[in-house]
C-alpha atoms as a PDB file:
ATOM      1  CA  MET A   1       4.215  39.889   1.551  1.00  0.00           C
ATOM      2  CA  ALA A   2       6.245  39.759  -1.670  1.00  0.00           C
ATOM      3  CA  PRO A   3       4.340  40.589  -4.990  1.00  0.00           C
ATOM      4  CA  HIS A   4       3.355  37.658  -7.161  1.00  0.00           C
ATOM      5  CA  SER A   5       3.991  37.236 -11.048  1.00  0.00           C
ATOM      6  CA  ASN A   6       1.132  35.980 -13.062  1.00  0.00           C
ATOM      7  CA  ASP A   7       1.110  32.387 -14.378  1.00  0.00           C
ATOM      8  CA  THR A   8       0.234  31.541 -18.055  1.00  0.00           C
ATOM      9  CA  HIS A   9      -2.720  29.159 -18.030  1.00  0.00           C
ATOM     10  CA  ASP A  10      -4.435  26.838 -20.586  1.00  0.00           C
ATOM     11  CA  THR A  11      -8.188  27.924 -20.788  1.00  0.00           C
ATOM     12  CA  LYS A  12      -9.896  24.586 -22.077  1.00  0.00           C
ATOM     13  CA  ASP A  13     -12.710  24.700 -19.307  1.00  0.00           C
ATOM     14  CA  ALA A  14     -14.867  27.412 -20.542  1.00  0.00           C
ATOM     15  CA  GLY A  15     -12.603  30.227 -20.358  1.00  0.00           C
ATOM     16  CA  ARG A  16     -11.348  29.265 -16.991  1.00  0.00           C
ATOM     17  CA  PRO A  17      -7.759  28.565 -16.423  1.00  0.00           C
ATOM     18  CA  THR A  18      -6.908  24.989 -16.053  1.00  0.00           C
ATOM     19  CA  GLY A  19      -3.195  24.975 -15.547  1.00  0.00           C
ATOM     20  CA  PRO A  20      -0.653  24.085 -15.261  1.00  0.00           C
ATOM     21  CA  PHE A  21      -0.005  27.220 -12.742  1.00  0.00           C
ATOM     22  CA  ASP A  22       2.074  27.893  -9.701  1.00  0.00           C
ATOM     23  CA  LEU A  23      -0.026  27.988  -6.360  1.00  0.00           C
ATOM     24  CA  SER A  24       2.657  30.789  -5.161  1.00  0.00           C
ATOM     25  CA  ASN A  25       1.616  32.995  -7.882  1.00  0.00           C
ATOM     26  CA  THR A  26      -2.206  31.809  -8.428  1.00  0.00           C
ATOM     27  CA  PRO A  27      -4.068  30.514  -5.625  1.00  0.00           C
ATOM     28  CA  ILE A  28      -7.425  28.333  -6.053  1.00  0.00           C
ATOM     29  CA  HIS A  29     -10.930  28.814  -4.866  1.00  0.00           C
ATOM     30  CA  LEU A  30     -12.043  25.216  -3.840  1.00  0.00           C
ATOM     31  CA  GLY A  31     -15.380  25.330  -4.107  1.00  0.00           C
ATOM     32  CA  SER A  32     -17.984  23.251  -2.144  1.00  0.00           C
ATOM     33  CA  VAL A  33     -18.409  19.524  -3.222  1.00  0.00           C
ATOM     34  CA  VAL A  34     -22.313  19.919  -2.851  1.00  0.00           C
ATOM     35  CA  ASN A  35     -22.540  22.967  -4.949  1.00  0.00           C
ATOM     36  CA  ALA A  36     -21.855  22.685  -8.748  1.00  0.00           C
ATOM     37  CA  ASP A  37     -22.276  26.412  -9.151  1.00  0.00           C
ATOM     38  CA  ASN A  38     -19.225  26.801  -6.830  1.00  0.00           C
ATOM     39  CA  PRO A  39     -16.403  25.077  -8.565  1.00  0.00           C
ATOM     40  CA  ALA A  40     -12.585  25.094  -8.238  1.00  0.00           C
ATOM     41  CA  VAL A  41     -11.449  28.211  -9.937  1.00  0.00           C
ATOM     42  CA  PRO A  42      -7.719  29.502 -10.134  1.00  0.00           C
ATOM     43  CA  LEU A  43      -7.253  33.234  -9.340  1.00  0.00           C
ATOM     44  CA  PRO A  44      -4.681  34.626 -11.766  1.00  0.00           C
ATOM     45  CA  GLY A  45      -3.351  38.080 -10.815  1.00  0.00           C
ATOM     46  CA  PHE A  46      -4.584  37.542  -7.029  1.00  0.00           C
ATOM     47  CA  GLY A  47      -2.729  40.449  -5.092  1.00  0.00           C
ATOM     48  CA  PHE A  48      -1.932  38.448  -1.848  1.00  0.00           C
ATOM     49  CA  ASP A  49      -3.140  41.615   0.417  1.00  0.00           C
ATOM     50  CA  GLY A  50      -6.275  42.689   2.423  1.00  0.00           C
ATOM     51  CA  PRO A  51      -8.045  44.327  -0.594  1.00  0.00           C
ATOM     52  CA  ALA A  52      -7.318  40.957  -2.702  1.00  0.00           C
ATOM     53  CA  PHE A  53      -8.720  38.648   0.271  1.00  0.00           C
ATOM     54  CA  GLU A  54     -11.847  40.906   0.437  1.00  0.00           C
ATOM     55  CA  ARG A  55     -12.384  40.856  -3.341  1.00  0.00           C
ATOM     56  CA  TYR A  56     -12.034  37.100  -3.189  1.00  0.00           C
ATOM     57  CA  MET A  57     -14.415  36.621  -0.399  1.00  0.00           C
ATOM     58  CA  ALA A  58     -17.110  38.946  -2.219  1.00  0.00           C
ATOM     59  CA  GLU A  59     -16.593  36.976  -5.467  1.00  0.00           C
ATOM     60  CA  HIS A  60     -16.585  33.459  -4.355  1.00  0.00           C
ATOM     61  CA  CYS A  61     -17.658  32.966  -0.575  1.00  0.00           C
ATOM     62  CA  SER A  62     -21.212  34.280  -0.532  1.00  0.00           C
ATOM     63  CA  ASP A  63     -24.438  32.701  -0.895  1.00  0.00           C
ATOM     64  CA  GLY A  64     -23.724  29.953   1.971  1.00  0.00           C
ATOM     65  CA  ALA A  65     -20.883  28.600  -0.358  1.00  0.00           C
ATOM     66  CA  PRO A  66     -17.725  29.723   1.353  1.00  0.00           C
ATOM     67  CA  GLY A  67     -15.368  26.765  -0.050  1.00  0.00           C
ATOM     68  CA  ARG A  68     -11.605  27.421   0.735  1.00  0.00           C
ATOM     69  CA  LEU A  69      -8.640  29.355  -0.359  1.00  0.00           C
ATOM     70  CA  VAL A  70      -5.764  27.150  -1.581  1.00  0.00           C
ATOM     71  CA  MET A  71      -2.222  28.663  -1.883  1.00  0.00           C
ATOM     72  CA  ILE A  72       1.417  28.347  -1.349  1.00  0.00           C
ATOM     73  CA  GLU A  73       3.030  31.206   0.852  1.00  0.00           C
ATOM     74  CA  THR A  74       6.340  31.525   1.961  1.00  0.00           C
ATOM     75  CA  THR A  75       6.832  33.387   5.285  1.00  0.00           C
ATOM     76  CA  PRO A  76      10.414  34.345   6.325  1.00  0.00           C
ATOM     77  CA  THR A  77       9.542  35.721   9.823  1.00  0.00           C
ATOM     78  CA  ASP A  78       7.276  35.220  12.743  1.00  0.00           C
ATOM     79  CA  TRP A  79       3.548  35.990  12.075  1.00  0.00           C
ATOM     80  CA  PRO A  80       2.765  39.479  13.265  1.00  0.00           C
ATOM     81  CA  SER A  81      -0.685  38.625  14.531  1.00  0.00           C
ATOM     82  CA  TRP A  82      -2.766  35.857  15.678  1.00  0.00           C
ATOM     83  CA  GLU A  83      -5.914  34.394  13.612  1.00  0.00           C
ATOM     84  CA  CYS A  84      -9.111  32.659  13.710  1.00  0.00           C
ATOM     85  CA  HIS A  85     -10.924  30.883  11.024  1.00  0.00           C
ATOM     86  CA  THR A  86     -14.678  30.733  12.508  1.00  0.00           C
ATOM     87  CA  GLU A  87     -16.033  28.847   9.279  1.00  0.00           C
ATOM     88  CA  GLY A  88     -14.107  25.747   9.333  1.00  0.00           C
ATOM     89  CA  ASP A  89     -10.557  24.089   9.980  1.00  0.00           C
ATOM     90  CA  GLU A  90      -7.606  25.336   8.206  1.00  0.00           C
ATOM     91  CA  ILE A  91      -4.929  22.827   6.892  1.00  0.00           C
ATOM     92  CA  VAL A  92      -1.306  23.782   6.812  1.00  0.00           C
ATOM     93  CA  ILE A  93       1.119  21.420   4.708  1.00  0.00           C
ATOM     94  CA  VAL A  94       4.837  22.375   5.071  1.00  0.00           C
ATOM     95  CA  LEU A  95       6.976  22.000   2.097  1.00  0.00           C
ATOM     96  CA  GLU A  96      10.387  23.871   3.198  1.00  0.00           C
ATOM     97  CA  GLY A  97      11.650  25.403   6.359  1.00  0.00           C
ATOM     98  CA  ALA A  98      10.477  25.273  10.074  1.00  0.00           C
ATOM     99  CA  ALA A  99       8.176  26.855  12.575  1.00  0.00           C
ATOM    100  CA  GLU A 100       6.585  26.373  15.647  1.00  0.00           C
ATOM    101  CA  PHE A 101       2.686  26.840  15.381  1.00  0.00           C
ATOM    102  CA  ILE A 102       1.053  27.916  18.697  1.00  0.00           C
ATOM    103  CA  GLN A 103      -2.621  27.354  19.092  1.00  0.00           C
ATOM    104  CA  GLU A 104      -4.916  28.660  22.079  1.00  0.00           C
ATOM    105  CA  ILE A 105      -6.729  25.626  23.206  1.00  0.00           C
ATOM    106  CA  GLY A 106      -8.448  25.324  26.759  1.00  0.00           C
ATOM    107  CA  GLY A 107      -6.920  28.470  28.237  1.00  0.00           C
ATOM    108  CA  GLY A 108      -3.341  27.497  27.335  1.00  0.00           C
ATOM    109  CA  GLU A 109      -1.042  27.466  24.389  1.00  0.00           C
ATOM    110  CA  ARG A 110      -0.101  24.201  22.288  1.00  0.00           C
ATOM    111  CA  ARG A 111       3.101  24.616  20.465  1.00  0.00           C
ATOM    112  CA  THR A 112       3.713  22.130  17.748  1.00  0.00           C
ATOM    113  CA  ALA A 113       7.061  22.245  15.623  1.00  0.00           C
ATOM    114  CA  VAL A 114       6.572  21.630  11.949  1.00  0.00           C
ATOM    115  CA  GLY A 115       9.232  21.019   9.079  1.00  0.00           C
ATOM    116  CA  PRO A 116       8.934  19.627   5.639  1.00  0.00           C
ATOM    117  CA  GLY A 117       6.341  17.113   5.002  1.00  0.00           C
ATOM    118  CA  SER A 118       4.569  18.075   8.164  1.00  0.00           C
ATOM    119  CA  THR A 119       0.864  18.836   8.126  1.00  0.00           C
ATOM    120  CA  ILE A 120      -0.976  20.738  11.043  1.00  0.00           C
ATOM    121  CA  ILE A 121      -4.808  21.302  11.302  1.00  0.00           C
ATOM    122  CA  ASN A 122      -5.902  24.702  12.963  1.00  0.00           C
ATOM    123  CA  PRO A 123      -9.249  23.909  14.226  1.00  0.00           C
ATOM    124  CA  ALA A 124     -12.182  26.318  13.700  1.00  0.00           C
ATOM    125  CA  GLY A 125     -12.486  28.978  16.231  1.00  0.00           C
ATOM    126  CA  VAL A 126      -9.175  28.142  17.337  1.00  0.00           C
ATOM    127  CA  TRP A 127      -6.730  31.316  17.761  1.00  0.00           C
ATOM    128  CA  HIS A 128      -3.203  30.413  16.104  1.00  0.00           C
ATOM    129  CA  THR A 129      -0.066  31.955  15.280  1.00  0.00           C
ATOM    130  CA  ALA A 130       3.487  30.856  14.103  1.00  0.00           C
ATOM    131  CA  ASP A 131       7.267  31.392  15.170  1.00  0.00           C
ATOM    132  CA  VAL A 132       9.269  30.771  12.085  1.00  0.00           C
ATOM    133  CA  THR A 133      12.638  29.365  12.870  1.00  0.00           C
ATOM    134  CA  GLN A 134      13.617  28.982   9.100  1.00  0.00           C
ATOM    135  CA  SER A 135      11.650  30.568   6.110  1.00  0.00           C
ATOM    136  CA  LEU A 136       8.420  28.645   5.920  1.00  0.00           C
ATOM    137  CA  LYS A 137       6.900  27.535   2.617  1.00  0.00           C
ATOM    138  CA  ALA A 138       3.636  25.889   3.001  1.00  0.00           C
ATOM    139  CA  ILE A 139       0.240  25.026   1.305  1.00  0.00           C
ATOM    140  CA  TYR A 140      -2.594  26.631   3.248  1.00  0.00           C
ATOM    141  CA  ILE A 141      -6.301  25.341   2.666  1.00  0.00           C
ATOM    142  CA  THR A 142      -8.132  28.086   4.497  1.00  0.00           C
ATOM    143  CA  PRO A 143     -11.837  28.975   5.127  1.00  0.00           C
ATOM    144  CA  CYS A 144     -11.429  32.692   4.487  1.00  0.00           C
ATOM    145  CA  PRO A 145     -15.044  33.991   5.640  1.00  0.00           C
ATOM    146  CA  GLY A 146     -15.240  34.804   9.142  1.00  0.00           C
ATOM    147  CA  THR A 147     -11.439  34.982   9.542  1.00  0.00           C
ATOM    148  CA  THR A 148     -10.422  37.190  12.312  1.00  0.00           C
ATOM    149  CA  HIS A 149      -6.856  38.696  13.505  1.00  0.00           C
ATOM    150  CA  ARG A 150      -5.575  40.290  16.507  1.00  0.00           C
ATOM    151  CA  THR A 151      -2.107  41.579  17.369  1.00  0.00           C
ATOM    152  CA  ARG A 152       0.438  39.089  19.079  1.00  0.00           C
END
């Protein structure tokens, strides 16, 4: 993935960035609606790599309050692996481009074409990947804890 630059933020809420900011550069941890100690928190300087995701989970997804990671990501090519989110459904909202999402359901593959304005839900526990036909830019709302990957 391409490196992302930091955004400039207002910090009117107890030192926490409140925006405006670009989800492409600064994802948000969307905390649990039932746990006021786990609020929505922008994550400036997020690295968009394996160590950044591990750090995110350690800092925001412990003690039974996983929440979701909300971000915009641009993917120019097919996903190199399958993934599965065991702790909840993932929502993908396509902003630009086109792809075919592939979900393993009931022993077979369900293929769904998406384009701008399309939304797809990758259900909890369902392996999924994507074949990108035109550079895909989407908002991802993802439960990160318990996410596993396997090669295609």
